[in-house]
Amino acid sequence: MKKLKKIPDFKSDEEEAEFWDTHSTADYIDWSKAEETIFPNLKLTSESISMRIPGPLLAHIKSLANQKGVPYQSLMKVYLSEKVDEELELSSHR
């Protein structure tokens, strides 16, 4: 088993960020002992964007959202998230 290095004390968040940009966590953390953690009160940050979508596509999305009883923008976020996750999964196997 590899001996882990001690994580240094940092004077600022910027100093820590710079450190981790240039060092591998595998040298400092035994990830085999990591456990999944859930943060139920964590609020995800979101950004407002402007996006042009063809009218017929938007009409279909709104119709689907209406059938499901959800806001159309929420449905769009779900669909977008699912597709991104799918693409990331595919790219990780290449």
PDB file of N, CA and C in Angstrom:
ATOM      1  N   MET A   1       0.837  -1.182   0.000  1.00  0.00           N
ATOM      2  CA  MET A   1       0.000   0.000   0.000  1.00  0.00           C
ATOM      3  C   MET A   1       0.884   1.248   0.000  1.00  0.00           C
ATOM      4  N   LYS A   2       0.508   2.208  -0.797  1.00  0.00           N
ATOM      5  CA  LYS A   2       1.268   3.444  -0.958  1.00  0.00           C
ATOM      6  C   LYS A   2       1.087   4.360   0.260  1.00  0.00           C
ATOM      7  N   LYS A   3       2.188   4.957   0.729  1.00  0.00           N
ATOM      8  CA  LYS A   3       2.109   5.891   1.849  1.00  0.00           C
ATOM      9  C   LYS A   3       1.593   7.231   1.344  1.00  0.00           C
ATOM     10  N   LEU A   4       0.562   7.731   1.998  1.00  0.00           N
ATOM     11  CA  LEU A   4      -0.047   8.991   1.585  1.00  0.00           C
ATOM     12  C   LEU A   4       0.707  10.178   2.157  1.00  0.00           C
ATOM     13  N   LYS A   5       0.755  11.240   1.386  1.00  0.00           N
ATOM     14  CA  LYS A   5       1.382  12.483   1.836  1.00  0.00           C
ATOM     15  C   LYS A   5       0.399  13.259   2.695  1.00  0.00           C
ATOM     16  N   LYS A   6       0.932  14.098   3.587  1.00  0.00           N
ATOM     17  CA  LYS A   6       0.085  14.947   4.432  1.00  0.00           C
ATOM     18  C   LYS A   6      -0.389  16.149   3.619  1.00  0.00           C
ATOM     19  N   ILE A   7      -1.700  16.431   3.706  1.00  0.00           N
ATOM     20  CA  ILE A   7      -2.241  17.606   3.024  1.00  0.00           C
ATOM     21  C   ILE A   7      -1.748  18.844   3.763  1.00  0.00           C
ATOM     22  N   PRO A   8      -1.152  19.787   3.057  1.00  0.00           N
ATOM     23  CA  PRO A   8      -0.620  20.981   3.726  1.00  0.00           C
ATOM     24  C   PRO A   8      -1.744  21.890   4.246  1.00  0.00           C
ATOM     25  N   ASP A   9      -1.377  22.765   5.145  1.00  0.00           N
ATOM     26  CA  ASP A   9      -2.302  23.810   5.601  1.00  0.00           C
ATOM     27  C   ASP A   9      -2.232  24.943   4.585  1.00  0.00           C
ATOM     28  N   PHE A  10      -3.388  25.474   4.231  1.00  0.00           N
ATOM     29  CA  PHE A  10      -3.447  26.534   3.228  1.00  0.00           C
ATOM     30  C   PHE A  10      -3.853  27.843   3.869  1.00  0.00           C
ATOM     31  N   LYS A  11      -3.297  28.936   3.362  1.00  0.00           N
ATOM     32  CA  LYS A  11      -3.592  30.269   3.898  1.00  0.00           C
ATOM     33  C   LYS A  11      -4.867  30.858   3.292  1.00  0.00           C
ATOM     34  N   SER A  12      -5.274  30.337   2.130  1.00  0.00           N
ATOM     35  CA  SER A  12      -6.460  30.883   1.471  1.00  0.00           C
ATOM     36  C   SER A  12      -7.055  29.822   0.545  1.00  0.00           C
ATOM     37  N   ASP A  13      -8.296  30.052   0.127  1.00  0.00           N
ATOM     38  CA  ASP A  13      -8.940  29.158  -0.834  1.00  0.00           C
ATOM     39  C   ASP A  13      -8.183  29.174  -2.159  1.00  0.00           C
ATOM     40  N   GLU A  14      -7.670  30.338  -2.527  1.00  0.00           N
ATOM     41  CA  GLU A  14      -6.928  30.463  -3.773  1.00  0.00           C
ATOM     42  C   GLU A  14      -5.659  29.616  -3.740  1.00  0.00           C
ATOM     43  N   GLU A  15      -4.958  29.652  -2.595  1.00  0.00           N
ATOM     44  CA  GLU A  15      -3.740  28.854  -2.448  1.00  0.00           C
ATOM     45  C   GLU A  15      -4.074  27.368  -2.539  1.00  0.00           C
ATOM     46  N   GLU A  16      -5.171  26.957  -1.917  1.00  0.00           N
ATOM     47  CA  GLU A  16      -5.573  25.552  -1.978  1.00  0.00           C
ATOM     48  C   GLU A  16      -5.953  25.146  -3.406  1.00  0.00           C
ATOM     49  N   ALA A  17      -6.704  26.007  -4.082  1.00  0.00           N
ATOM     50  CA  ALA A  17      -7.111  25.710  -5.459  1.00  0.00           C
ATOM     51  C   ALA A  17      -5.889  25.549  -6.360  1.00  0.00           C
ATOM     52  N   GLU A  18      -4.919  26.432  -6.188  1.00  0.00           N
ATOM     53  CA  GLU A  18      -3.688  26.348  -6.987  1.00  0.00           C
ATOM     54  C   GLU A  18      -2.945  25.050  -6.694  1.00  0.00           C
ATOM     55  N   PHE A  19      -2.913  24.663  -5.416  1.00  0.00           N
ATOM     56  CA  PHE A  19      -2.236  23.419  -5.029  1.00  0.00           C
ATOM     57  C   PHE A  19      -2.871  22.216  -5.726  1.00  0.00           C
ATOM     58  N   TRP A  20      -4.208  22.128  -5.656  1.00  0.00           N
ATOM     59  CA  TRP A  20      -4.881  20.966  -6.229  1.00  0.00           C
ATOM     60  C   TRP A  20      -4.870  20.976  -7.754  1.00  0.00           C
ATOM     61  N   ASP A  21      -4.679  22.163  -8.353  1.00  0.00           N
ATOM     62  CA  ASP A  21      -4.535  22.236  -9.804  1.00  0.00           C
ATOM     63  C   ASP A  21      -3.229  21.598 -10.269  1.00  0.00           C
ATOM     64  N   THR A  22      -2.251  21.511  -9.364  1.00  0.00           N
ATOM     65  CA  THR A  22      -0.921  21.018  -9.741  1.00  0.00           C
ATOM     66  C   THR A  22      -0.519  19.728  -9.031  1.00  0.00           C
ATOM     67  N   HIS A  23      -1.420  19.158  -8.218  1.00  0.00           N
ATOM     68  CA  HIS A  23      -1.115  17.933  -7.487  1.00  0.00           C
ATOM     69  C   HIS A  23      -2.262  16.930  -7.636  1.00  0.00           C
ATOM     70  N   SER A  24      -1.943  15.661  -7.594  1.00  0.00           N
ATOM     71  CA  SER A  24      -2.955  14.613  -7.676  1.00  0.00           C
ATOM     72  C   SER A  24      -3.484  14.280  -6.287  1.00  0.00           C
ATOM     73  N   THR A  25      -4.807  14.219  -6.163  1.00  0.00           N
ATOM     74  CA  THR A  25      -5.402  13.849  -4.871  1.00  0.00           C
ATOM     75  C   THR A  25      -5.044  12.420  -4.493  1.00  0.00           C
ATOM     76  N   ALA A  26      -4.722  11.595  -5.479  1.00  0.00           N
ATOM     77  CA  ALA A  26      -4.377  10.191  -5.200  1.00  0.00           C
ATOM     78  C   ALA A  26      -3.133  10.077  -4.327  1.00  0.00           C
ATOM     79  N   ASP A  27      -2.291  11.101  -4.319  1.00  0.00           N
ATOM     80  CA  ASP A  27      -1.097  11.093  -3.470  1.00  0.00           C
ATOM     81  C   ASP A  27      -1.419  11.463  -2.017  1.00  0.00           C
ATOM     82  N   TYR A  28      -2.623  12.004  -1.790  1.00  0.00           N
ATOM     83  CA  TYR A  28      -2.976  12.540  -0.475  1.00  0.00           C
ATOM     84  C   TYR A  28      -4.215  11.896   0.156  1.00  0.00           C
ATOM     85  N   ILE A  29      -5.032  11.233  -0.654  1.00  0.00           N
ATOM     86  CA  ILE A  29      -6.299  10.698  -0.165  1.00  0.00           C
ATOM     87  C   ILE A  29      -6.453   9.253  -0.628  1.00  0.00           C
ATOM     88  N   ASP A  30      -6.857   8.378   0.293  1.00  0.00           N
ATOM     89  CA  ASP A  30      -7.134   6.983  -0.063  1.00  0.00           C
ATOM     90  C   ASP A  30      -8.600   6.909  -0.499  1.00  0.00           C
ATOM     91  N   TRP A  31      -8.821   7.028  -1.810  1.00  0.00           N
ATOM     92  CA  TRP A  31     -10.181   7.082  -2.345  1.00  0.00           C
ATOM     93  C   TRP A  31     -10.915   5.752  -2.198  1.00  0.00           C
ATOM     94  N   SER A  32     -10.198   4.662  -1.926  1.00  0.00           N
ATOM     95  CA  SER A  32     -10.878   3.373  -1.747  1.00  0.00           C
ATOM     96  C   SER A  32     -11.713   3.364  -0.464  1.00  0.00           C
ATOM     97  N   LYS A  33     -11.438   4.295   0.436  1.00  0.00           N
ATOM     98  CA  LYS A  33     -12.194   4.390   1.688  1.00  0.00           C
ATOM     99  C   LYS A  33     -13.282   5.466   1.629  1.00  0.00           C
ATOM    100  N   ALA A  34     -13.437   6.090   0.478  1.00  0.00           N
ATOM    101  CA  ALA A  34     -14.434   7.157   0.338  1.00  0.00           C
ATOM    102  C   ALA A  34     -15.845   6.581   0.420  1.00  0.00           C
ATOM    103  N   GLU A  35     -16.741   7.358   0.990  1.00  0.00           N
ATOM    104  CA  GLU A  35     -18.139   6.970   1.083  1.00  0.00           C
ATOM    105  C   GLU A  35     -18.994   8.039   0.429  1.00  0.00           C
ATOM    106  N   GLU A  36     -20.082   7.606  -0.191  1.00  0.00           N
ATOM    107  CA  GLU A  36     -20.995   8.556  -0.805  1.00  0.00           C
ATOM    108  C   GLU A  36     -21.704   9.347   0.289  1.00  0.00           C
ATOM    109  N   THR A  37     -21.836  10.635   0.060  1.00  0.00           N
ATOM    110  CA  THR A  37     -22.487  11.514   1.016  1.00  0.00           C
ATOM    111  C   THR A  37     -23.592  12.282   0.313  1.00  0.00           C
ATOM    112  N   ILE A  38     -24.673  12.484   1.023  1.00  0.00           N
ATOM    113  CA  ILE A  38     -25.794  13.243   0.483  1.00  0.00           C
ATOM    114  C   ILE A  38     -25.922  14.529   1.284  1.00  0.00           C
ATOM    115  N   PHE A  39     -26.063  15.650   0.577  1.00  0.00           N
ATOM    116  CA  PHE A  39     -26.257  16.952   1.200  1.00  0.00           C
ATOM    117  C   PHE A  39     -27.680  17.411   0.888  1.00  0.00           C
ATOM    118  N   PRO A  40     -28.660  17.043   1.724  1.00  0.00           N
ATOM    119  CA  PRO A  40     -30.059  17.310   1.381  1.00  0.00           C
ATOM    120  C   PRO A  40     -30.423  18.787   1.311  1.00  0.00           C
ATOM    121  N   ASN A  41     -29.694  19.647   1.994  1.00  0.00           N
ATOM    122  CA  ASN A  41     -30.044  21.062   2.011  1.00  0.00           C
ATOM    123  C   ASN A  41     -29.185  21.907   1.078  1.00  0.00           C
ATOM    124  N   LEU A  42     -28.362  21.246   0.270  1.00  0.00           N
ATOM    125  CA  LEU A  42     -27.490  21.955  -0.645  1.00  0.00           C
ATOM    126  C   LEU A  42     -28.304  22.498  -1.810  1.00  0.00           C
ATOM    127  N   LYS A  43     -28.193  23.777  -2.047  1.00  0.00           N
ATOM    128  CA  LYS A  43     -28.905  24.413  -3.151  1.00  0.00           C
ATOM    129  C   LYS A  43     -27.959  24.510  -4.344  1.00  0.00           C
ATOM    130  N   LEU A  44     -28.379  23.942  -5.471  1.00  0.00           N
ATOM    131  CA  LEU A  44     -27.576  24.036  -6.676  1.00  0.00           C
ATOM    132  C   LEU A  44     -27.679  25.444  -7.235  1.00  0.00           C
ATOM    133  N   THR A  45     -26.578  25.947  -7.687  1.00  0.00           N
ATOM    134  CA  THR A  45     -26.619  27.261  -8.316  1.00  0.00           C
ATOM    135  C   THR A  45     -27.036  27.081  -9.763  1.00  0.00           C
ATOM    136  N   SER A  46     -27.751  28.035 -10.265  1.00  0.00           N
ATOM    137  CA  SER A  46     -28.158  27.969 -11.661  1.00  0.00           C
ATOM    138  C   SER A  46     -27.915  29.321 -12.305  1.00  0.00           C
ATOM    139  N   GLU A  47     -27.769  29.282 -13.601  1.00  0.00           N
ATOM    140  CA  GLU A  47     -27.538  30.503 -14.371  1.00  0.00           C
ATOM    141  C   GLU A  47     -28.642  30.650 -15.386  1.00  0.00           C
ATOM    142  N   SER A  48     -29.056  31.855 -15.577  1.00  0.00           N
ATOM    143  CA  SER A  48     -30.063  32.158 -16.577  1.00  0.00           C
ATOM    144  C   SER A  48     -29.368  32.308 -17.927  1.00  0.00           C
ATOM    145  N   ILE A  49     -29.935  31.645 -18.943  1.00  0.00           N
ATOM    146  CA  ILE A  49     -29.375  31.757 -20.286  1.00  0.00           C
ATOM    147  C   ILE A  49     -30.502  32.100 -21.260  1.00  0.00           C
ATOM    148  N   SER A  50     -30.111  32.565 -22.407  1.00  0.00           N
ATOM    149  CA  SER A  50     -31.053  32.809 -23.485  1.00  0.00           C
ATOM    150  C   SER A  50     -30.720  31.826 -24.592  1.00  0.00           C
ATOM    151  N   MET A  51     -31.749  31.172 -25.137  1.00  0.00           N
ATOM    152  CA  MET A  51     -31.495  30.153 -26.131  1.00  0.00           C
ATOM    153  C   MET A  51     -32.578  30.206 -27.209  1.00  0.00           C
ATOM    154  N   ARG A  52     -32.160  30.147 -28.442  1.00  0.00           N
ATOM    155  CA  ARG A  52     -33.117  30.126 -29.546  1.00  0.00           C
ATOM    156  C   ARG A  52     -33.429  28.673 -29.891  1.00  0.00           C
ATOM    157  N   ILE A  53     -34.735  28.354 -29.936  1.00  0.00           N
ATOM    158  CA  ILE A  53     -35.196  27.001 -30.238  1.00  0.00           C
ATOM    159  C   ILE A  53     -36.236  27.101 -31.349  1.00  0.00           C
ATOM    160  N   PRO A  54     -36.167  26.222 -32.323  1.00  0.00           N
ATOM    161  CA  PRO A  54     -37.189  26.255 -33.371  1.00  0.00           C
ATOM    162  C   PRO A  54     -38.597  26.151 -32.776  1.00  0.00           C
ATOM    163  N   GLY A  55     -39.523  26.937 -33.319  1.00  0.00           N
ATOM    164  CA  GLY A  55     -40.895  26.980 -32.811  1.00  0.00           C
ATOM    165  C   GLY A  55     -41.551  25.616 -32.670  1.00  0.00           C
ATOM    166  N   PRO A  56     -41.476  24.768 -33.702  1.00  0.00           N
ATOM    167  CA  PRO A  56     -42.119  23.450 -33.580  1.00  0.00           C
ATOM    168  C   PRO A  56     -41.529  22.592 -32.443  1.00  0.00           C
ATOM    169  N   LEU A  57     -40.215  22.674 -32.248  1.00  0.00           N
ATOM    170  CA  LEU A  57     -39.590  21.923 -31.157  1.00  0.00           C
ATOM    171  C   LEU A  57     -40.105  22.418 -29.815  1.00  0.00           C
ATOM    172  N   LEU A  58     -40.152  23.727 -29.638  1.00  0.00           N
ATOM    173  CA  LEU A  58     -40.653  24.290 -28.391  1.00  0.00           C
ATOM    174  C   LEU A  58     -42.109  23.897 -28.163  1.00  0.00           C
ATOM    175  N   ALA A  59     -42.902  23.887 -29.232  1.00  0.00           N
ATOM    176  CA  ALA A  59     -44.314  23.486 -29.109  1.00  0.00           C
ATOM    177  C   ALA A  59     -44.422  22.035 -28.637  1.00  0.00           C
ATOM    178  N   HIS A  60     -43.555  21.155 -29.183  1.00  0.00           N
ATOM    179  CA  HIS A  60     -43.567  19.751 -28.755  1.00  0.00           C
ATOM    180  C   HIS A  60     -43.153  19.619 -27.284  1.00  0.00           C
ATOM    181  N   ILE A  61     -42.149  20.375 -26.897  1.00  0.00           N
ATOM    182  CA  ILE A  61     -41.685  20.331 -25.501  1.00  0.00           C
ATOM    183  C   ILE A  61     -42.796  20.806 -24.575  1.00  0.00           C
ATOM    184  N   LYS A  62     -43.447  21.902 -24.923  1.00  0.00           N
ATOM    185  CA  LYS A  62     -44.540  22.423 -24.095  1.00  0.00           C
ATOM    186  C   LYS A  62     -45.694  21.431 -24.021  1.00  0.00           C
ATOM    187  N   SER A  63     -45.983  20.758 -25.128  1.00  0.00           N
ATOM    188  CA  SER A  63     -47.050  19.762 -25.132  1.00  0.00           C
ATOM    189  C   SER A  63     -46.703  18.586 -24.217  1.00  0.00           C
ATOM    190  N   LEU A  64     -45.480  18.104 -24.320  1.00  0.00           N
ATOM    191  CA  LEU A  64     -45.035  17.007 -23.447  1.00  0.00           C
ATOM    192  C   LEU A  64     -45.073  17.416 -21.980  1.00  0.00           C
ATOM    193  N   ALA A  65     -44.608  18.628 -21.705  1.00  0.00           N
ATOM    194  CA  ALA A  65     -44.605  19.121 -20.326  1.00  0.00           C
ATOM    195  C   ALA A  65     -46.036  19.207 -19.798  1.00  0.00           C
ATOM    196  N   ASN A  66     -46.950  19.668 -20.633  1.00  0.00           N
ATOM    197  CA  ASN A  66     -48.352  19.763 -20.236  1.00  0.00           C
ATOM    198  C   ASN A  66     -48.916  18.377 -19.920  1.00  0.00           C
ATOM    199  N   GLN A  67     -48.590  17.388 -20.751  1.00  0.00           N
ATOM    200  CA  GLN A  67     -49.040  16.015 -20.519  1.00  0.00           C
ATOM    201  C   GLN A  67     -48.513  15.468 -19.194  1.00  0.00           C
ATOM    202  N   LYS A  68     -47.290  15.855 -18.849  1.00  0.00           N
ATOM    203  CA  LYS A  68     -46.660  15.367 -17.624  1.00  0.00           C
ATOM    204  C   LYS A  68     -47.007  16.225 -16.410  1.00  0.00           C
ATOM    205  N   GLY A  69     -47.621  17.392 -16.667  1.00  0.00           N
ATOM    206  CA  GLY A  69     -47.998  18.276 -15.571  1.00  0.00           C
ATOM    207  C   GLY A  69     -46.818  18.967 -14.914  1.00  0.00           C
ATOM    208  N   VAL A  70     -45.802  19.291 -15.728  1.00  0.00           N
ATOM    209  CA  VAL A  70     -44.617  19.976 -15.208  1.00  0.00           C
ATOM    210  C   VAL A  70     -44.346  21.214 -16.052  1.00  0.00           C
ATOM    211  N   PRO A  71     -43.649  22.199 -15.505  1.00  0.00           N
ATOM    212  CA  PRO A  71     -43.269  23.366 -16.312  1.00  0.00           C
ATOM    213  C   PRO A  71     -42.336  22.947 -17.452  1.00  0.00           C
ATOM    214  N   TYR A  72     -42.514  23.554 -18.622  1.00  0.00           N
ATOM    215  CA  TYR A  72     -41.727  23.134 -19.783  1.00  0.00           C
ATOM    216  C   TYR A  72     -40.231  23.378 -19.589  1.00  0.00           C
ATOM    217  N   GLN A  73     -39.858  24.456 -18.876  1.00  0.00           N
ATOM    218  CA  GLN A  73     -38.429  24.697 -18.672  1.00  0.00           C
ATOM    219  C   GLN A  73     -37.811  23.627 -17.764  1.00  0.00           C
ATOM    220  N   SER A  74     -38.583  23.147 -16.800  1.00  0.00           N
ATOM    221  CA  SER A  74     -38.095  22.064 -15.936  1.00  0.00           C
ATOM    222  C   SER A  74     -37.891  20.793 -16.741  1.00  0.00           C
ATOM    223  N   LEU A  75     -38.829  20.507 -17.627  1.00  0.00           N
ATOM    224  CA  LEU A  75     -38.703  19.328 -18.482  1.00  0.00           C
ATOM    225  C   LEU A  75     -37.474  19.443 -19.383  1.00  0.00           C
ATOM    226  N   MET A  76     -37.238  20.628 -19.914  1.00  0.00           N
ATOM    227  CA  MET A  76     -36.057  20.844 -20.757  1.00  0.00           C
ATOM    228  C   MET A  76     -34.778  20.580 -19.964  1.00  0.00           C
ATOM    229  N   LYS A  77     -34.730  21.025 -18.716  1.00  0.00           N
ATOM    230  CA  LYS A  77     -33.537  20.795 -17.890  1.00  0.00           C
ATOM    231  C   LYS A  77     -33.323  19.304 -17.653  1.00  0.00           C
ATOM    232  N   VAL A  78     -34.412  18.571 -17.413  1.00  0.00           N
ATOM    233  CA  VAL A  78     -34.296  17.127 -17.199  1.00  0.00           C
ATOM    234  C   VAL A  78     -33.766  16.457 -18.452  1.00  0.00           C
ATOM    235  N   TYR A  79     -34.367  16.781 -19.608  1.00  0.00           N
ATOM    236  CA  TYR A  79     -33.927  16.180 -20.867  1.00  0.00           C
ATOM    237  C   TYR A  79     -32.464  16.521 -21.164  1.00  0.00           C
ATOM    238  N   LEU A  80     -32.088  17.762 -20.949  1.00  0.00           N
ATOM    239  CA  LEU A  80     -30.715  18.183 -21.206  1.00  0.00           C
ATOM    240  C   LEU A  80     -29.749  17.453 -20.276  1.00  0.00           C
ATOM    241  N   SER A  81     -30.099  17.364 -19.014  1.00  0.00           N
ATOM    242  CA  SER A  81     -29.249  16.681 -18.045  1.00  0.00           C
ATOM    243  C   SER A  81     -29.078  15.208 -18.397  1.00  0.00           C
ATOM    244  N   GLU A  82     -30.184  14.555 -18.771  1.00  0.00           N
ATOM    245  CA  GLU A  82     -30.109  13.140 -19.139  1.00  0.00           C
ATOM    246  C   GLU A  82     -29.197  12.930 -20.344  1.00  0.00           C
ATOM    247  N   LYS A  83     -29.311  13.786 -21.331  1.00  0.00           N
ATOM    248  CA  LYS A  83     -28.488  13.641 -22.545  1.00  0.00           C
ATOM    249  C   LYS A  83     -27.010  13.894 -22.236  1.00  0.00           C
ATOM    250  N   VAL A  84     -26.727  14.898 -21.427  1.00  0.00           N
ATOM    251  CA  VAL A  84     -25.337  15.179 -21.061  1.00  0.00           C
ATOM    252  C   VAL A  84     -24.750  13.999 -20.283  1.00  0.00           C
ATOM    253  N   ASP A  85     -25.510  13.461 -19.328  1.00  0.00           N
ATOM    254  CA  ASP A  85     -25.034  12.291 -18.576  1.00  0.00           C
ATOM    255  C   ASP A  85     -24.753  11.111 -19.510  1.00  0.00           C
ATOM    256  N   GLU A  86     -25.650  10.900 -20.468  1.00  0.00           N
ATOM    257  CA  GLU A  86     -25.483   9.824 -21.448  1.00  0.00           C
ATOM    258  C   GLU A  86     -24.206  10.021 -22.267  1.00  0.00           C
ATOM    259  N   GLU A  87     -23.977  11.232 -22.739  1.00  0.00           N
ATOM    260  CA  GLU A  87     -22.783  11.520 -23.538  1.00  0.00           C
ATOM    261  C   GLU A  87     -21.509  11.366 -22.709  1.00  0.00           C
ATOM    262  N   LEU A  88     -21.543  11.827 -21.464  1.00  0.00           N
ATOM    263  CA  LEU A  88     -20.372  11.692 -20.598  1.00  0.00           C
ATOM    264  C   LEU A  88     -20.070  10.222 -20.325  1.00  0.00           C
ATOM    265  N   GLU A  89     -21.107   9.430 -20.139  1.00  0.00           N
ATOM    266  CA  GLU A  89     -20.930   7.981 -19.914  1.00  0.00           C
ATOM    267  C   GLU A  89     -20.300   7.342 -21.147  1.00  0.00           C
ATOM    268  N   LEU A  90     -20.793   7.707 -22.323  1.00  0.00           N
ATOM    269  CA  LEU A  90     -20.230   7.162 -23.564  1.00  0.00           C
ATOM    270  C   LEU A  90     -18.767   7.557 -23.733  1.00  0.00           C
ATOM    271  N   SER A  91     -18.463   8.822 -23.472  1.00  0.00           N
ATOM    272  CA  SER A  91     -17.090   9.293 -23.670  1.00  0.00           C
ATOM    273  C   SER A  91     -16.119   8.688 -22.654  1.00  0.00           C
ATOM    274  N   SER A  92     -16.616   8.302 -21.494  1.00  0.00           N
ATOM    275  CA  SER A  92     -15.724   7.689 -20.499  1.00  0.00           C
ATOM    276  C   SER A  92     -15.354   6.261 -20.856  1.00  0.00           C
ATOM    277  N   HIS A  93     -16.102   5.655 -21.791  1.00  0.00           N
ATOM    278  CA  HIS A  93     -15.814   4.283 -22.213  1.00  0.00           C
ATOM    279  C   HIS A  93     -15.001   4.227 -23.515  1.00  0.00           C
ATOM    280  N   ARG A  94     -14.624   5.370 -24.019  1.00  0.00           N
ATOM    281  CA  ARG A  94     -13.846   5.393 -25.275  1.00  0.00           C
ATOM    282  C   ARG A  94     -12.377   5.303 -25.007  1.00  0.00           C
TER     283      ARG A  94
END
